N, C-alpha and C. Protein backbone atom coordinates (compact mmCIF):
# COMPACT_ATOMS: atom_id res chain seq x y z
N MET A 1 0.12 -27.27 -0.31
CA MET A 1 -0.91 -26.12 0.45
C MET A 1 -2.16 -26.84 0.63
N THR A 2 -2.88 -25.88 1.45
CA THR A 2 -4.18 -25.81 1.51
C THR A 2 -4.91 -25.29 0.49
N ARG A 3 -6.69 -25.23 0.19
CA ARG A 3 -7.14 -24.63 -0.69
C ARG A 3 -7.08 -23.17 0.09
N ASP A 4 -7.31 -22.98 1.56
CA ASP A 4 -7.33 -21.80 2.23
C ASP A 4 -6.01 -21.65 2.61
N GLN A 5 -4.84 -22.08 2.34
CA GLN A 5 -3.72 -21.34 2.34
C GLN A 5 -2.96 -20.33 0.73
N SER A 6 -3.81 -21.40 0.07
CA SER A 6 -3.49 -20.76 -1.17
C SER A 6 -4.20 -20.06 -1.57
N ALA A 7 -5.12 -18.63 -0.94
CA ALA A 7 -5.89 -18.31 -1.41
C ALA A 7 -5.75 -16.88 -0.48
N VAL A 8 -5.03 -17.28 0.34
CA VAL A 8 -3.86 -16.54 1.43
C VAL A 8 -2.85 -15.81 0.56
N THR A 9 -2.05 -16.93 -0.34
CA THR A 9 -1.37 -16.56 -1.39
C THR A 9 -1.51 -16.10 -2.28
N ARG A 10 -2.64 -16.20 -2.48
CA ARG A 10 -3.45 -15.44 -4.05
C ARG A 10 -3.40 -13.79 -3.78
N TRP A 11 -3.61 -13.72 -2.23
CA TRP A 11 -4.60 -12.40 -2.15
C TRP A 11 -2.91 -11.63 -1.79
N GLY A 12 -2.25 -12.44 -1.07
CA GLY A 12 -1.37 -11.90 -0.55
C GLY A 12 -0.21 -11.14 -1.41
N ARG A 13 -0.22 -11.73 -2.86
CA ARG A 13 0.29 -11.64 -4.18
C ARG A 13 -0.26 -10.43 -4.86
N ALA A 14 -1.64 -10.37 -4.64
CA ALA A 14 -2.46 -9.77 -5.85
C ALA A 14 -1.64 -8.13 -5.24
N GLY A 15 -2.06 -8.32 -3.76
CA GLY A 15 -1.92 -6.73 -3.01
C GLY A 15 -0.25 -6.43 -2.67
N ALA A 16 0.47 -7.38 -2.85
CA ALA A 16 2.44 -7.10 -2.92
C ALA A 16 2.24 -5.75 -4.53
N LEU A 17 1.07 -7.06 -5.90
CA LEU A 17 1.17 -6.06 -7.11
C LEU A 17 0.59 -4.93 -7.04
N TYR A 18 -0.21 -4.54 -6.77
CA TYR A 18 -1.07 -3.63 -6.13
C TYR A 18 -0.27 -2.43 -5.71
N ASP A 19 0.68 -2.67 -4.40
CA ASP A 19 2.01 -1.78 -3.90
C ASP A 19 2.91 -1.62 -4.55
N PHE A 20 3.41 -2.76 -5.24
CA PHE A 20 3.85 -2.16 -6.37
C PHE A 20 4.01 -1.82 -7.14
N VAL A 21 2.98 -1.51 -7.96
CA VAL A 21 2.75 -0.53 -9.46
C VAL A 21 2.04 0.60 -8.54
N ALA A 22 1.72 0.71 -7.74
CA ALA A 22 0.78 2.00 -6.91
C ALA A 22 2.22 2.73 -6.30
N SER A 23 3.53 1.93 -5.99
CA SER A 23 4.40 2.65 -5.53
C SER A 23 5.76 3.04 -6.00
N ILE A 24 5.61 2.33 -7.51
CA ILE A 24 7.14 2.71 -8.13
C ILE A 24 7.31 3.92 -8.38
N ALA A 25 6.41 4.70 -8.83
CA ALA A 25 6.39 6.35 -8.98
C ALA A 25 7.46 6.98 -8.15
N PHE A 26 7.19 6.82 -6.80
CA PHE A 26 7.65 7.53 -5.51
C PHE A 26 9.10 6.97 -4.73
N VAL A 27 10.10 6.14 -5.73
CA VAL A 27 11.03 5.79 -5.52
C VAL A 27 11.93 6.75 -5.45
N THR A 28 12.06 7.34 -6.33
CA THR A 28 13.12 8.49 -6.68
C THR A 28 12.33 9.71 -6.79
N PRO A 29 13.06 10.37 -6.30
CA PRO A 29 12.98 12.15 -6.67
C PRO A 29 12.52 12.36 -8.02
N TRP A 30 13.20 12.01 -8.48
CA TRP A 30 12.42 12.72 -10.04
C TRP A 30 11.75 12.22 -10.26
N THR A 31 10.81 10.86 -10.30
CA THR A 31 9.75 10.16 -10.36
C THR A 31 8.35 10.67 -9.24
N ALA A 32 8.95 10.94 -8.58
CA ALA A 32 7.84 10.87 -6.96
C ALA A 32 7.38 12.81 -7.42
N GLY A 33 8.72 13.72 -7.99
CA GLY A 33 7.54 15.18 -7.84
C GLY A 33 6.76 15.08 -8.52
N PRO A 34 7.12 14.70 -10.09
CA PRO A 34 5.63 14.68 -11.10
C PRO A 34 4.30 13.78 -11.07
N ALA A 35 5.06 12.68 -10.09
CA ALA A 35 3.79 11.77 -9.38
C ALA A 35 3.23 12.69 -8.21
N MET A 36 3.52 13.19 -7.11
CA MET A 36 2.80 14.32 -6.27
C MET A 36 2.36 15.30 -6.71
N ASP A 37 2.93 16.08 -8.29
CA ASP A 37 1.86 17.29 -8.77
C ASP A 37 0.97 16.61 -9.52
N LEU A 38 0.64 15.58 -9.69
CA LEU A 38 -0.39 14.61 -10.15
C LEU A 38 -1.63 14.67 -9.55
N LEU A 39 -0.98 14.25 -8.29
CA LEU A 39 -1.92 13.88 -7.01
C LEU A 39 -2.96 14.97 -6.59
N GLY A 40 -1.74 16.35 -6.76
CA GLY A 40 -2.29 17.57 -6.28
C GLY A 40 -1.39 18.00 -4.69
N VAL A 41 -0.21 17.00 -4.75
CA VAL A 41 0.06 16.86 -3.06
C VAL A 41 1.59 18.42 -3.40
N ASN A 42 1.98 18.51 -2.39
CA ASN A 42 2.70 19.78 -2.31
C ASN A 42 4.43 19.10 -2.51
N GLY A 43 5.24 18.90 -3.23
CA GLY A 43 5.89 18.28 -3.13
C GLY A 43 7.41 19.56 -3.01
N ASP A 44 7.47 19.99 -1.99
CA ASP A 44 8.70 20.32 -1.55
C ASP A 44 9.83 19.63 -0.87
N THR A 45 10.99 20.09 -1.03
CA THR A 45 12.20 18.86 -0.12
C THR A 45 11.68 17.84 0.60
N PRO A 46 11.55 18.36 1.65
CA PRO A 46 11.07 17.72 2.60
C PRO A 46 9.99 16.87 2.70
N ALA A 47 8.65 17.30 2.17
CA ALA A 47 7.73 15.59 1.53
C ALA A 47 8.37 15.20 0.32
N LEU A 48 8.48 15.81 -0.63
CA LEU A 48 9.50 14.66 -1.94
C LEU A 48 10.38 13.28 -0.76
N LEU A 49 11.36 13.83 -0.05
CA LEU A 49 12.14 13.14 0.77
C LEU A 49 11.42 12.11 1.39
N PHE A 50 10.26 12.09 2.22
CA PHE A 50 9.60 10.97 2.34
C PHE A 50 8.40 10.25 1.83
N ALA A 51 8.49 11.12 0.95
CA ALA A 51 7.61 10.24 -0.46
C ALA A 51 8.81 9.26 -0.65
N THR A 52 9.78 9.54 -1.38
CA THR A 52 10.76 8.84 -1.71
C THR A 52 11.12 7.77 -0.69
N LEU A 53 11.23 8.09 0.30
CA LEU A 53 11.34 6.98 1.68
C LEU A 53 10.55 6.20 1.57
N PHE A 54 9.00 6.19 1.72
CA PHE A 54 7.77 5.46 1.81
C PHE A 54 7.72 4.71 0.45
N GLY A 55 7.99 5.36 -0.68
CA GLY A 55 8.55 4.65 -2.12
C GLY A 55 8.97 3.33 -2.02
N THR A 56 10.02 3.43 -1.32
CA THR A 56 10.98 2.87 -1.37
C THR A 56 10.58 1.69 -0.61
N VAL A 57 10.38 1.73 0.47
CA VAL A 57 10.05 0.84 1.46
C VAL A 57 8.75 -0.02 1.15
N VAL A 58 8.06 0.57 0.65
CA VAL A 58 6.49 0.10 0.08
C VAL A 58 7.12 -1.30 -1.05
N VAL A 59 8.06 -0.53 -2.04
CA VAL A 59 8.21 -1.47 -3.00
C VAL A 59 9.25 -2.47 -2.71
N MET A 60 9.99 -2.04 -1.61
CA MET A 60 10.59 -3.41 -0.78
C MET A 60 9.59 -4.55 -0.07
N TRP A 61 9.28 -3.86 0.40
CA TRP A 61 8.23 -4.77 1.05
C TRP A 61 6.88 -5.19 0.10
N SER A 62 6.68 -5.01 -0.58
CA SER A 62 5.92 -5.81 -2.25
C SER A 62 6.37 -6.87 -2.21
N ILE A 63 7.83 -6.54 -3.10
CA ILE A 63 8.83 -7.53 -3.41
C ILE A 63 9.13 -8.64 -2.21
N ALA A 64 8.98 -8.47 -0.96
CA ALA A 64 9.05 -9.58 -0.44
C ALA A 64 8.09 -10.60 0.40
N ARG A 65 6.93 -9.84 0.12
CA ARG A 65 5.40 -10.64 0.18
C ARG A 65 5.62 -11.20 -1.21
N TRP A 66 5.76 -10.53 -2.09
CA TRP A 66 5.57 -11.50 -3.62
C TRP A 66 6.01 -12.83 -3.62
N ARG A 67 7.41 -12.61 -3.09
CA ARG A 67 8.52 -14.19 -3.11
C ARG A 67 7.91 -14.76 -2.24
N ARG A 68 7.49 -13.91 -0.74
CA ARG A 68 7.17 -14.76 0.31
C ARG A 68 5.98 -14.58 0.91
N PRO A 69 4.95 -15.13 -0.03
CA PRO A 69 3.14 -14.75 0.24
C PRO A 69 3.25 -15.72 1.99
N GLU A 70 4.09 -15.68 2.38
CA GLU A 70 3.37 -16.16 4.15
C GLU A 70 2.42 -15.88 4.66
N PRO A 71 1.43 -16.30 5.88
CA PRO A 71 0.44 -15.74 6.36
C PRO A 71 0.94 -14.70 7.50
N LEU A 72 2.28 -14.49 7.78
CA LEU A 72 2.56 -13.91 8.83
C LEU A 72 2.89 -13.03 8.32
N LEU A 73 3.47 -12.70 6.93
CA LEU A 73 3.75 -11.62 6.25
C LEU A 73 2.45 -10.65 5.96
N ILE A 74 2.08 -11.22 5.42
CA ILE A 74 0.43 -11.06 4.86
C ILE A 74 -0.25 -10.42 6.15
N GLY A 75 -0.37 -10.84 7.14
CA GLY A 75 -0.91 -10.63 8.42
C GLY A 75 -0.66 -9.08 8.61
N ILE A 76 0.78 -9.23 8.82
CA ILE A 76 1.50 -7.71 9.21
C ILE A 76 0.95 -6.84 7.93
N ASP A 77 0.73 -7.20 7.02
CA ASP A 77 0.47 -6.35 5.84
C ASP A 77 -1.10 -5.66 6.13
N THR A 78 -1.67 -6.77 6.29
CA THR A 78 -3.12 -6.35 6.49
C THR A 78 -3.74 -5.56 7.80
N ALA A 79 -2.79 -5.40 8.90
CA ALA A 79 -2.59 -4.49 9.92
C ALA A 79 -1.75 -3.48 9.49
N GLY A 80 -1.00 -3.36 8.40
CA GLY A 80 -0.38 -1.50 8.00
C GLY A 80 -1.28 -0.97 7.78
N ARG A 81 -2.91 -2.27 6.43
CA ARG A 81 -3.13 -1.22 5.63
C ARG A 81 -4.28 -0.70 6.42
N ALA A 82 -4.78 -1.12 7.58
CA ALA A 82 -5.51 -0.75 8.82
C ALA A 82 -5.34 0.54 9.09
N LEU A 83 -4.10 0.45 8.92
CA LEU A 83 -2.71 1.88 9.93
C LEU A 83 -2.80 3.11 8.82
N PHE A 84 -2.92 2.56 7.49
CA PHE A 84 -3.11 3.45 5.85
C PHE A 84 -4.10 4.34 6.19
N SER A 85 -4.98 3.25 6.35
CA SER A 85 -6.70 3.22 6.17
C SER A 85 -6.94 4.89 7.09
N LEU A 86 -6.89 4.56 8.31
CA LEU A 86 -6.69 5.63 9.58
C LEU A 86 -5.76 6.84 8.88
N TRP A 87 -4.62 6.43 8.19
CA TRP A 87 -3.76 7.62 8.15
C TRP A 87 -4.19 8.85 6.81
N PHE A 88 -5.09 7.72 5.81
CA PHE A 88 -5.10 8.58 4.76
C PHE A 88 -7.22 9.34 5.41
N VAL A 89 -7.77 8.65 6.97
CA VAL A 89 -8.52 9.01 7.02
C VAL A 89 -8.28 10.44 7.13
N TRP A 90 -7.24 10.59 7.95
CA TRP A 90 -6.98 11.93 8.68
C TRP A 90 -6.41 12.79 8.25
N ALA A 91 -5.82 12.56 7.25
CA ALA A 91 -5.46 13.22 5.82
C ALA A 91 -6.71 14.18 5.69
N LEU A 92 -7.66 13.47 4.50
CA LEU A 92 -8.57 13.98 4.09
C LEU A 92 -9.26 14.80 5.20
N GLN A 93 -9.43 14.74 6.64
CA GLN A 93 -9.99 15.21 7.72
C GLN A 93 -9.41 16.64 7.51
N SER A 94 -8.02 16.44 7.61
CA SER A 94 -7.06 17.63 7.58
C SER A 94 -7.02 18.75 6.13
N GLY A 95 -7.96 18.55 5.34
CA GLY A 95 -8.19 19.10 4.16
C GLY A 95 -7.05 18.81 2.98
N GLN A 96 -6.90 17.87 2.41
CA GLN A 96 -5.41 17.46 1.98
C GLN A 96 -6.72 17.11 0.53
N PRO A 97 -6.37 16.87 -0.52
CA PRO A 97 -7.01 16.42 -2.16
C PRO A 97 -7.55 15.00 -1.82
N GLU A 98 -8.88 15.12 -2.51
CA GLU A 98 -9.71 14.20 -2.08
C GLU A 98 -9.56 13.15 -2.87
N VAL A 99 -8.30 13.25 -3.91
CA VAL A 99 -7.67 12.22 -4.64
C VAL A 99 -7.46 10.85 -3.92
N LEU A 100 -6.90 11.46 -2.57
CA LEU A 100 -6.90 10.33 -1.32
C LEU A 100 -7.63 9.32 -1.23
N VAL A 101 -9.37 9.52 -1.66
CA VAL A 101 -10.29 8.77 -0.69
C VAL A 101 -9.92 7.76 -1.83
N ALA A 102 -9.71 7.27 -3.42
CA ALA A 102 -8.85 6.54 -4.00
C ALA A 102 -8.22 5.59 -3.61
N PHE A 103 -6.88 6.00 -3.13
CA PHE A 103 -6.07 5.04 -2.37
C PHE A 103 -6.97 4.78 -1.09
N LEU A 104 -8.11 5.05 -0.42
CA LEU A 104 -8.13 4.44 0.82
C LEU A 104 -9.16 3.66 0.67
N VAL A 105 -10.51 3.60 -0.38
CA VAL A 105 -10.84 2.69 -0.86
C VAL A 105 -10.41 1.07 -1.29
N LEU A 106 -8.60 1.68 -1.91
CA LEU A 106 -7.91 0.42 -2.73
C LEU A 106 -7.45 0.04 -0.96
N GLU A 107 -6.93 0.92 -0.30
CA GLU A 107 -6.42 0.57 1.45
C GLU A 107 -7.67 -0.71 1.95
N LEU A 108 -8.47 -0.35 1.93
CA LEU A 108 -9.53 -1.04 2.32
C LEU A 108 -10.09 -2.09 1.51
N PHE A 109 -10.03 -2.28 0.44
CA PHE A 109 -10.54 -3.57 -0.32
C PHE A 109 -8.95 -4.58 -0.04
N TRP A 110 -8.44 -4.15 -0.42
CA TRP A 110 -6.92 -5.13 -0.07
C TRP A 110 -7.07 -5.64 1.23
N GLY A 111 -6.90 -4.39 2.42
CA GLY A 111 -7.33 -5.04 3.54
C GLY A 111 -7.86 -6.45 4.39
N ALA A 112 -9.59 -5.51 3.52
CA ALA A 112 -10.75 -6.81 3.53
C ALA A 112 -10.17 -7.57 3.16
N ALA A 113 -9.71 -8.40 1.79
CA ALA A 113 -9.48 -9.30 0.93
C ALA A 113 -8.22 -9.73 1.54
N GLN A 114 -7.46 -9.17 2.02
CA GLN A 114 -6.54 -10.35 2.79
C GLN A 114 -6.96 -10.93 4.23
N LEU A 115 -7.44 -10.01 4.88
CA LEU A 115 -7.88 -10.13 5.82
C LEU A 115 -8.87 -11.82 5.77
N ARG A 116 -9.64 -11.22 4.89
CA ARG A 116 -11.02 -12.82 4.66
C ARG A 116 -10.25 -13.76 4.63
N ALA A 117 -9.26 -13.64 3.88
CA ALA A 117 -8.27 -14.97 3.64
C ALA A 117 -7.97 -15.73 4.51
N LEU A 118 -7.32 -14.58 5.28
CA LEU A 118 -6.55 -15.17 6.59
C LEU A 118 -7.42 -15.86 7.93
N VAL A 119 -8.18 -15.03 7.54
CA VAL A 119 -9.48 -16.12 8.73
C VAL A 119 -10.16 -17.05 8.17
N ARG A 120 -10.41 -17.39 7.09
CA ARG A 120 -10.99 -18.69 6.60
C ARG A 120 -10.06 -19.82 6.32
N ARG A 121 -8.31 -19.41 6.87
CA ARG A 121 -7.60 -20.43 6.32
C ARG A 121 -7.44 -21.49 7.82
């Protein structure tokens, strides 16, 4: 593994760990409800369903990237972070709670860090 590939691995795994920690509370309806309450987000049944679907997929995806931090997977994740950032901006412009700014900043940070490692390899 070259030095640049190890940077991709390090940043990819770090991003995966962040995603795991940030999303684990959204894996079940029993934990997602209180998490949504803390964020000031409506936790009705349809929203709770989508939050748990999202939480489950992100946690599984983070485990896959942790186990196999390959440039292809990290590249796909980096593109996903760009899209997630767009959706956070859209939600904020639609009047959603400002706490989402923190998630937007983190998505932009991890996306930029991963992109930099990928470009330098």
